[in-house]
Amino acid sequence: MTTEALNKSDLIERISLKNPHLAEPLVEEAVKIMIDQMIAALSSDNRIEIRGFCSFALHLRYLRLGRNTKTDKSVQVAEKALPHFRP
């Protein structure tokens, strides 16, 4: 089984093809609103759950020491929060 990358425009096109009664600009606006709401929820440190499909949550990566492989010197890697997808 191969996985295929799906970008926003591909998603809009697939939804439009499966729902010919919906105009593509309306599908595009709905997808944009959904993604904006997901970004806002994750930005507020909320978890997103799509029942029967997946969940998204933020995982905090703490400040740590890393290594620059070109110079072999230690560097500090800043703390950051990354979205985590769980099927």
PDB file of N, CA and C in Angstrom:
ATOM      1  N   MET A   1       0.848  -1.178   0.000  1.00  0.00           N
ATOM      2  CA  MET A   1       0.000   0.000   0.000  1.00  0.00           C
ATOM      3  C   MET A   1       0.893   1.241   0.000  1.00  0.00           C
ATOM      4  N   THR A   2       0.685   2.104  -0.958  1.00  0.00           N
ATOM      5  CA  THR A   2       1.469   3.336  -1.021  1.00  0.00           C
ATOM      6  C   THR A   2       0.646   4.491  -0.481  1.00  0.00           C
ATOM      7  N   THR A   3       1.337   5.398   0.170  1.00  0.00           N
ATOM      8  CA  THR A   3       0.655   6.585   0.669  1.00  0.00           C
ATOM      9  C   THR A   3       0.909   7.731  -0.286  1.00  0.00           C
ATOM     10  N   GLU A   4      -0.118   8.465  -0.547  1.00  0.00           N
ATOM     11  CA  GLU A   4      -0.041   9.584  -1.467  1.00  0.00           C
ATOM     12  C   GLU A   4      -0.250  10.872  -0.676  1.00  0.00           C
ATOM     13  N   ALA A   5       0.618  11.845  -0.899  1.00  0.00           N
ATOM     14  CA  ALA A   5       0.464  13.133  -0.231  1.00  0.00           C
ATOM     15  C   ALA A   5      -0.786  13.823  -0.778  1.00  0.00           C
ATOM     16  N   LEU A   6      -1.521  14.448   0.108  1.00  0.00           N
ATOM     17  CA  LEU A   6      -2.749  15.131  -0.281  1.00  0.00           C
ATOM     18  C   LEU A   6      -2.660  16.556   0.225  1.00  0.00           C
ATOM     19  N   ASN A   7      -2.588  17.504  -0.692  1.00  0.00           N
ATOM     20  CA  ASN A   7      -2.537  18.897  -0.261  1.00  0.00           C
ATOM     21  C   ASN A   7      -3.954  19.479  -0.259  1.00  0.00           C
ATOM     22  N   LYS A   8      -4.068  20.740   0.158  1.00  0.00           N
ATOM     23  CA  LYS A   8      -5.377  21.356   0.323  1.00  0.00           C
ATOM     24  C   LYS A   8      -6.153  21.411  -0.990  1.00  0.00           C
ATOM     25  N   SER A   9      -5.507  21.770  -2.077  1.00  0.00           N
ATOM     26  CA  SER A   9      -6.220  21.867  -3.361  1.00  0.00           C
ATOM     27  C   SER A   9      -6.686  20.487  -3.839  1.00  0.00           C
ATOM     28  N   ASP A  10      -5.892  19.435  -3.573  1.00  0.00           N
ATOM     29  CA  ASP A  10      -6.328  18.078  -3.925  1.00  0.00           C
ATOM     30  C   ASP A  10      -7.546  17.674  -3.096  1.00  0.00           C
ATOM     31  N   LEU A  11      -7.534  18.014  -1.824  1.00  0.00           N
ATOM     32  CA  LEU A  11      -8.667  17.701  -0.948  1.00  0.00           C
ATOM     33  C   LEU A  11      -9.930  18.398  -1.446  1.00  0.00           C
ATOM     34  N   ILE A  12      -9.816  19.666  -1.798  1.00  0.00           N
ATOM     35  CA  ILE A  12     -10.964  20.427  -2.305  1.00  0.00           C
ATOM     36  C   ILE A  12     -11.491  19.791  -3.587  1.00  0.00           C
ATOM     37  N   GLU A  13     -10.579  19.401  -4.475  1.00  0.00           N
ATOM     38  CA  GLU A  13     -10.983  18.783  -5.739  1.00  0.00           C
ATOM     39  C   GLU A  13     -11.703  17.456  -5.504  1.00  0.00           C
ATOM     40  N   ARG A  14     -11.180  16.626  -4.607  1.00  0.00           N
ATOM     41  CA  ARG A  14     -11.811  15.328  -4.328  1.00  0.00           C
ATOM     42  C   ARG A  14     -13.199  15.487  -3.719  1.00  0.00           C
ATOM     43  N   ILE A  15     -13.328  16.438  -2.781  1.00  0.00           N
ATOM     44  CA  ILE A  15     -14.641  16.669  -2.169  1.00  0.00           C
ATOM     45  C   ILE A  15     -15.624  17.172  -3.212  1.00  0.00           C
ATOM     46  N   SER A  16     -15.163  18.081  -4.087  1.00  0.00           N
ATOM     47  CA  SER A  16     -16.032  18.613  -5.144  1.00  0.00           C
ATOM     48  C   SER A  16     -16.482  17.521  -6.112  1.00  0.00           C
ATOM     49  N   LEU A  17     -15.576  16.603  -6.458  1.00  0.00           N
ATOM     50  CA  LEU A  17     -15.935  15.520  -7.376  1.00  0.00           C
ATOM     51  C   LEU A  17     -16.939  14.554  -6.757  1.00  0.00           C
ATOM     52  N   LYS A  18     -16.803  14.289  -5.452  1.00  0.00           N
ATOM     53  CA  LYS A  18     -17.729  13.364  -4.780  1.00  0.00           C
ATOM     54  C   LYS A  18     -19.071  14.022  -4.469  1.00  0.00           C
ATOM     55  N   ASN A  19     -19.111  15.357  -4.498  1.00  0.00           N
ATOM     56  CA  ASN A  19     -20.336  16.099  -4.193  1.00  0.00           C
ATOM     57  C   ASN A  19     -20.597  17.121  -5.291  1.00  0.00           C
ATOM     58  N   PRO A  20     -21.054  16.683  -6.459  1.00  0.00           N
ATOM     59  CA  PRO A  20     -21.233  17.599  -7.582  1.00  0.00           C
ATOM     60  C   PRO A  20     -22.304  18.673  -7.339  1.00  0.00           C
ATOM     61  N   HIS A  21     -23.153  18.462  -6.349  1.00  0.00           N
ATOM     62  CA  HIS A  21     -24.179  19.456  -6.033  1.00  0.00           C
ATOM     63  C   HIS A  21     -23.606  20.654  -5.268  1.00  0.00           C
ATOM     64  N   LEU A  22     -22.345  20.549  -4.805  1.00  0.00           N
ATOM     65  CA  LEU A  22     -21.697  21.655  -4.096  1.00  0.00           C
ATOM     66  C   LEU A  22     -20.758  22.386  -5.042  1.00  0.00           C
ATOM     67  N   ALA A  23     -20.856  23.708  -5.051  1.00  0.00           N
ATOM     68  CA  ALA A  23     -19.971  24.517  -5.893  1.00  0.00           C
ATOM     69  C   ALA A  23     -18.557  24.485  -5.305  1.00  0.00           C
ATOM     70  N   GLU A  24     -17.555  24.431  -6.162  1.00  0.00           N
ATOM     71  CA  GLU A  24     -16.174  24.331  -5.699  1.00  0.00           C
ATOM     72  C   GLU A  24     -15.761  25.496  -4.788  1.00  0.00           C
ATOM     73  N   PRO A  25     -16.194  26.750  -5.068  1.00  0.00           N
ATOM     74  CA  PRO A  25     -15.825  27.832  -4.133  1.00  0.00           C
ATOM     75  C   PRO A  25     -16.383  27.615  -2.714  1.00  0.00           C
ATOM     76  N   LEU A  26     -17.554  26.989  -2.613  1.00  0.00           N
ATOM     77  CA  LEU A  26     -18.128  26.702  -1.294  1.00  0.00           C
ATOM     78  C   LEU A  26     -17.323  25.614  -0.583  1.00  0.00           C
ATOM     79  N   VAL A  27     -16.906  24.602  -1.320  1.00  0.00           N
ATOM     80  CA  VAL A  27     -16.077  23.538  -0.751  1.00  0.00           C
ATOM     81  C   VAL A  27     -14.747  24.124  -0.296  1.00  0.00           C
ATOM     82  N   GLU A  28     -14.167  24.991  -1.122  1.00  0.00           N
ATOM     83  CA  GLU A  28     -12.890  25.630  -0.780  1.00  0.00           C
ATOM     84  C   GLU A  28     -13.019  26.443   0.509  1.00  0.00           C
ATOM     85  N   GLU A  29     -14.100  27.195   0.643  1.00  0.00           N
ATOM     86  CA  GLU A  29     -14.314  28.001   1.849  1.00  0.00           C
ATOM     87  C   GLU A  29     -14.518  27.109   3.073  1.00  0.00           C
ATOM     88  N   ALA A  30     -15.256  26.003   2.909  1.00  0.00           N
ATOM     89  CA  ALA A  30     -15.489  25.085   4.027  1.00  0.00           C
ATOM     90  C   ALA A  30     -14.187  24.451   4.502  1.00  0.00           C
ATOM     91  N   VAL A  31     -13.337  24.031   3.568  1.00  0.00           N
ATOM     92  CA  VAL A  31     -12.048  23.428   3.926  1.00  0.00           C
ATOM     93  C   VAL A  31     -11.167  24.463   4.620  1.00  0.00           C
ATOM     94  N   LYS A  32     -11.164  25.697   4.096  1.00  0.00           N
ATOM     95  CA  LYS A  32     -10.361  26.765   4.704  1.00  0.00           C
ATOM     96  C   LYS A  32     -10.818  27.035   6.135  1.00  0.00           C
ATOM     97  N   ILE A  33     -12.118  27.108   6.356  1.00  0.00           N
ATOM     98  CA  ILE A  33     -12.656  27.353   7.701  1.00  0.00           C
ATOM     99  C   ILE A  33     -12.278  26.203   8.638  1.00  0.00           C
ATOM    100  N   MET A  34     -12.385  24.957   8.153  1.00  0.00           N
ATOM    101  CA  MET A  34     -12.054  23.801   8.979  1.00  0.00           C
ATOM    102  C   MET A  34     -10.575  23.830   9.390  1.00  0.00           C
ATOM    103  N   ILE A  35      -9.695  24.102   8.450  1.00  0.00           N
ATOM    104  CA  ILE A  35      -8.265  24.146   8.753  1.00  0.00           C
ATOM    105  C   ILE A  35      -7.945  25.301   9.691  1.00  0.00           C
ATOM    106  N   ASP A  36      -8.572  26.462   9.474  1.00  0.00           N
ATOM    107  CA  ASP A  36      -8.359  27.608  10.372  1.00  0.00           C
ATOM    108  C   ASP A  36      -8.806  27.288  11.792  1.00  0.00           C
ATOM    109  N   GLN A  37      -9.930  26.575  11.928  1.00  0.00           N
ATOM    110  CA  GLN A  37     -10.420  26.200  13.255  1.00  0.00           C
ATOM    111  C   GLN A  37      -9.489  25.194  13.930  1.00  0.00           C
ATOM    112  N   MET A  38      -8.935  24.286  13.147  1.00  0.00           N
ATOM    113  CA  MET A  38      -7.988  23.319  13.702  1.00  0.00           C
ATOM    114  C   MET A  38      -6.717  24.022  14.176  1.00  0.00           C
ATOM    115  N   ILE A  39      -6.238  24.979  13.395  1.00  0.00           N
ATOM    116  CA  ILE A  39      -5.052  25.749  13.783  1.00  0.00           C
ATOM    117  C   ILE A  39      -5.328  26.533  15.055  1.00  0.00           C
ATOM    118  N   ALA A  40      -6.502  27.163  15.132  1.00  0.00           N
ATOM    119  CA  ALA A  40      -6.860  27.945  16.321  1.00  0.00           C
ATOM    120  C   ALA A  40      -6.951  27.048  17.555  1.00  0.00           C
ATOM    121  N   ALA A  41      -7.534  25.869  17.401  1.00  0.00           N
ATOM    122  CA  ALA A  41      -7.661  24.945  18.537  1.00  0.00           C
ATOM    123  C   ALA A  41      -6.290  24.495  19.020  1.00  0.00           C
ATOM    124  N   LEU A  42      -5.417  24.104  18.104  1.00  0.00           N
ATOM    125  CA  LEU A  42      -4.080  23.666  18.504  1.00  0.00           C
ATOM    126  C   LEU A  42      -3.275  24.814  19.092  1.00  0.00           C
ATOM    127  N   SER A  43      -3.465  26.029  18.567  1.00  0.00           N
ATOM    128  CA  SER A  43      -2.769  27.201  19.101  1.00  0.00           C
ATOM    129  C   SER A  43      -3.188  27.503  20.532  1.00  0.00           C
ATOM    130  N   SER A  44      -4.431  27.144  20.861  1.00  0.00           N
ATOM    131  CA  SER A  44      -4.947  27.344  22.216  1.00  0.00           C
ATOM    132  C   SER A  44      -4.659  26.143  23.107  1.00  0.00           C
ATOM    133  N   ASP A  45      -3.815  25.242  22.637  1.00  0.00           N
ATOM    134  CA  ASP A  45      -3.407  24.037  23.372  1.00  0.00           C
ATOM    135  C   ASP A  45      -4.579  23.087  23.614  1.00  0.00           C
ATOM    136  N   ASN A  46      -5.532  23.064  22.693  1.00  0.00           N
ATOM    137  CA  ASN A  46      -6.646  22.118  22.764  1.00  0.00           C
ATOM    138  C   ASN A  46      -6.349  20.921  21.881  1.00  0.00           C
ATOM    139  N   ARG A  47      -6.956  19.802  22.215  1.00  0.00           N
ATOM    140  CA  ARG A  47      -6.814  18.568  21.446  1.00  0.00           C
ATOM    141  C   ARG A  47      -7.975  18.493  20.460  1.00  0.00           C
ATOM    142  N   ILE A  48      -7.725  17.946  19.277  1.00  0.00           N
ATOM    143  CA  ILE A  48      -8.763  17.779  18.259  1.00  0.00           C
ATOM    144  C   ILE A  48      -8.987  16.284  18.074  1.00  0.00           C
ATOM    145  N   GLU A  49     -10.248  15.875  18.097  1.00  0.00           N
ATOM    146  CA  GLU A  49     -10.563  14.465  17.860  1.00  0.00           C
ATOM    147  C   GLU A  49     -11.615  14.376  16.778  1.00  0.00           C
ATOM    148  N   ILE A  50     -11.310  13.614  15.743  1.00  0.00           N
ATOM    149  CA  ILE A  50     -12.271  13.316  14.689  1.00  0.00           C
ATOM    150  C   ILE A  50     -12.621  11.845  14.888  1.00  0.00           C
ATOM    151  N   ARG A  51     -13.774  11.604  15.479  1.00  0.00           N
ATOM    152  CA  ARG A  51     -14.171  10.251  15.898  1.00  0.00           C
ATOM    153  C   ARG A  51     -14.087   9.262  14.754  1.00  0.00           C
ATOM    154  N   GLY A  52     -13.482   8.133  15.043  1.00  0.00           N
ATOM    155  CA  GLY A  52     -13.349   7.075  14.059  1.00  0.00           C
ATOM    156  C   GLY A  52     -12.247   7.312  13.039  1.00  0.00           C
ATOM    157  N   PHE A  53     -11.516   8.422  13.163  1.00  0.00           N
ATOM    158  CA  PHE A  53     -10.463   8.704  12.187  1.00  0.00           C
ATOM    159  C   PHE A  53      -9.126   8.989  12.856  1.00  0.00           C
ATOM    160  N   CYS A  54      -9.064  10.077  13.642  1.00  0.00           N
ATOM    161  CA  CYS A  54      -7.770  10.454  14.216  1.00  0.00           C
ATOM    162  C   CYS A  54      -7.947  11.503  15.311  1.00  0.00           C
ATOM    163  N   SER A  55      -6.826  11.838  15.921  1.00  0.00           N
ATOM    164  CA  SER A  55      -6.792  12.974  16.842  1.00  0.00           C
ATOM    165  C   SER A  55      -5.489  13.738  16.602  1.00  0.00           C
ATOM    166  N   PHE A  56      -5.530  15.011  16.937  1.00  0.00           N
ATOM    167  CA  PHE A  56      -4.357  15.872  16.853  1.00  0.00           C
ATOM    168  C   PHE A  56      -4.135  16.483  18.223  1.00  0.00           C
ATOM    169  N   ALA A  57      -2.897  16.566  18.642  1.00  0.00           N
ATOM    170  CA  ALA A  57      -2.546  17.225  19.902  1.00  0.00           C
ATOM    171  C   ALA A  57      -1.158  17.823  19.742  1.00  0.00           C
ATOM    172  N   LEU A  58      -0.816  18.735  20.622  1.00  0.00           N
ATOM    173  CA  LEU A  58       0.517  19.316  20.593  1.00  0.00           C
ATOM    174  C   LEU A  58       1.431  18.528  21.504  1.00  0.00           C
ATOM    175  N   HIS A  59       2.621  18.235  21.031  1.00  0.00           N
ATOM    176  CA  HIS A  59       3.659  17.612  21.846  1.00  0.00           C
ATOM    177  C   HIS A  59       4.748  18.643  22.059  1.00  0.00           C
ATOM    178  N   LEU A  60       5.090  18.859  23.315  1.00  0.00           N
ATOM    179  CA  LEU A  60       6.106  19.847  23.652  1.00  0.00           C
ATOM    180  C   LEU A  60       7.487  19.211  23.568  1.00  0.00           C
ATOM    181  N   ARG A  61       8.367  19.835  22.834  1.00  0.00           N
ATOM    182  CA  ARG A  61       9.772  19.422  22.775  1.00  0.00           C
ATOM    183  C   ARG A  61      10.559  20.435  23.601  1.00  0.00           C
ATOM    184  N   TYR A  62      11.170  19.978  24.650  1.00  0.00           N
ATOM    185  CA  TYR A  62      11.869  20.864  25.568  1.00  0.00           C
ATOM    186  C   TYR A  62      13.204  21.335  25.002  1.00  0.00           C
ATOM    187  N   LEU A  63      13.737  22.386  25.596  1.00  0.00           N
ATOM    188  CA  LEU A  63      15.060  22.885  25.262  1.00  0.00           C
ATOM    189  C   LEU A  63      16.064  21.754  25.448  1.00  0.00           C
ATOM    190  N   ARG A  64      16.943  21.576  24.460  1.00  0.00           N
ATOM    191  CA  ARG A  64      17.890  20.471  24.556  1.00  0.00           C
ATOM    192  C   ARG A  64      19.171  20.826  23.820  1.00  0.00           C
ATOM    193  N   LEU A  65      20.175  20.026  24.047  1.00  0.00           N
ATOM    194  CA  LEU A  65      21.429  20.179  23.318  1.00  0.00           C
ATOM    195  C   LEU A  65      21.403  19.280  22.098  1.00  0.00           C
ATOM    196  N   GLY A  66      21.750  19.874  20.967  1.00  0.00           N
ATOM    197  CA  GLY A  66      21.853  19.113  19.730  1.00  0.00           C
ATOM    198  C   GLY A  66      23.277  19.213  19.228  1.00  0.00           C
ATOM    199  N   ARG A  67      23.506  18.666  18.071  1.00  0.00           N
ATOM    200  CA  ARG A  67      24.856  18.701  17.514  1.00  0.00           C
ATOM    201  C   ARG A  67      24.789  19.126  16.056  1.00  0.00           C
ATOM    202  N   ASN A  68      25.605  20.112  15.694  1.00  0.00           N
ATOM    203  CA  ASN A  68      25.763  20.516  14.311  1.00  0.00           C
ATOM    204  C   ASN A  68      26.671  19.478  13.657  1.00  0.00           C
ATOM    205  N   THR A  69      26.139  18.728  12.712  1.00  0.00           N
ATOM    206  CA  THR A  69      26.912  17.624  12.124  1.00  0.00           C
ATOM    207  C   THR A  69      28.054  18.109  11.234  1.00  0.00           C
ATOM    208  N   LYS A  70      27.943  19.325  10.708  1.00  0.00           N
ATOM    209  CA  LYS A  70      29.026  19.843   9.862  1.00  0.00           C
ATOM    210  C   LYS A  70      30.244  20.254  10.681  1.00  0.00           C
ATOM    211  N   THR A  71      29.975  20.905  11.827  1.00  0.00           N
ATOM    212  CA  THR A  71      31.092  21.401  12.640  1.00  0.00           C
ATOM    213  C   THR A  71      31.353  20.528  13.858  1.00  0.00           C
ATOM    214  N   ASP A  72      30.456  19.586  14.153  1.00  0.00           N
ATOM    215  CA  ASP A  72      30.546  18.716  15.326  1.00  0.00           C
ATOM    216  C   ASP A  72      30.532  19.498  16.635  1.00  0.00           C
ATOM    217  N   LYS A  73      29.899  20.666  16.628  1.00  0.00           N
ATOM    218  CA  LYS A  73      29.782  21.488  17.836  1.00  0.00           C
ATOM    219  C   LYS A  73      28.386  21.312  18.434  1.00  0.00           C
ATOM    220  N   SER A  74      28.292  21.466  19.755  1.00  0.00           N
ATOM    221  CA  SER A  74      27.002  21.407  20.440  1.00  0.00           C
ATOM    222  C   SER A  74      26.262  22.722  20.239  1.00  0.00           C
ATOM    223  N   VAL A  75      24.969  22.617  20.016  1.00  0.00           N
ATOM    224  CA  VAL A  75      24.112  23.798  19.861  1.00  0.00           C
ATOM    225  C   VAL A  75      22.843  23.579  20.669  1.00  0.00           C
ATOM    226  N   GLN A  76      22.271  24.679  21.163  1.00  0.00           N
ATOM    227  CA  GLN A  76      21.002  24.574  21.887  1.00  0.00           C
ATOM    228  C   GLN A  76      19.865  24.577  20.888  1.00  0.00           C
ATOM    229  N   VAL A  77      18.955  23.627  21.035  1.00  0.00           N
ATOM    230  CA  VAL A  77      17.759  23.553  20.208  1.00  0.00           C
ATOM    231  C   VAL A  77      16.621  24.102  21.055  1.00  0.00           C
ATOM    232  N   ALA A  78      15.960  25.129  20.541  1.00  0.00           N
ATOM    233  CA  ALA A  78      14.915  25.829  21.300  1.00  0.00           C
ATOM    234  C   ALA A  78      13.719  24.917  21.592  1.00  0.00           C
ATOM    235  N   GLU A  79      13.010  25.257  22.652  1.00  0.00           N
ATOM    236  CA  GLU A  79      11.772  24.568  23.011  1.00  0.00           C
ATOM    237  C   GLU A  79      10.722  24.888  21.957  1.00  0.00           C
ATOM    238  N   LYS A  80       9.926  23.881  21.589  1.00  0.00           N
ATOM    239  CA  LYS A  80       8.880  24.118  20.602  1.00  0.00           C
ATOM    240  C   LYS A  80       7.755  23.115  20.781  1.00  0.00           C
ATOM    241  N   ALA A  81       6.580  23.484  20.313  1.00  0.00           N
ATOM    242  CA  ALA A  81       5.418  22.597  20.341  1.00  0.00           C
ATOM    243  C   ALA A  81       5.112  22.193  18.908  1.00  0.00           C
ATOM    244  N   LEU A  82       4.960  20.888  18.687  1.00  0.00           N
ATOM    245  CA  LEU A  82       4.703  20.360  17.355  1.00  0.00           C
ATOM    246  C   LEU A  82       3.383  19.603  17.341  1.00  0.00           C
ATOM    247  N   PRO A  83       2.604  19.735  16.258  1.00  0.00           N
ATOM    248  CA  PRO A  83       1.363  18.966  16.179  1.00  0.00           C
ATOM    249  C   PRO A  83       1.676  17.474  16.007  1.00  0.00           C
ATOM    250  N   HIS A  84       0.883  16.658  16.666  1.00  0.00           N
ATOM    251  CA  HIS A  84       1.076  15.202  16.617  1.00  0.00           C
ATOM    252  C   HIS A  84      -0.226  14.571  16.137  1.00  0.00           C
ATOM    253  N   PHE A  85      -0.133  13.752  15.086  1.00  0.00           N
ATOM    254  CA  PHE A  85      -1.270  13.047  14.511  1.00  0.00           C
ATOM    255  C   PHE A  85      -1.302  11.631  15.063  1.00  0.00           C
ATOM    256  N   ARG A  86      -2.435  11.220  15.569  1.00  0.00           N
ATOM    257  CA  ARG A  86      -2.582   9.842  16.061  1.00  0.00           C
ATOM    258  C   ARG A  86      -3.809   9.219  15.386  1.00  0.00           C
ATOM    259  N   PRO A  87      -3.586   8.158  14.594  1.00  0.00           N
ATOM    260  CA  PRO A  87      -4.726   7.497  13.935  1.00  0.00           C
ATOM    261  C   PRO A  87      -5.650   6.822  14.939  1.00  0.00           C
TER     262      PRO A  87
END
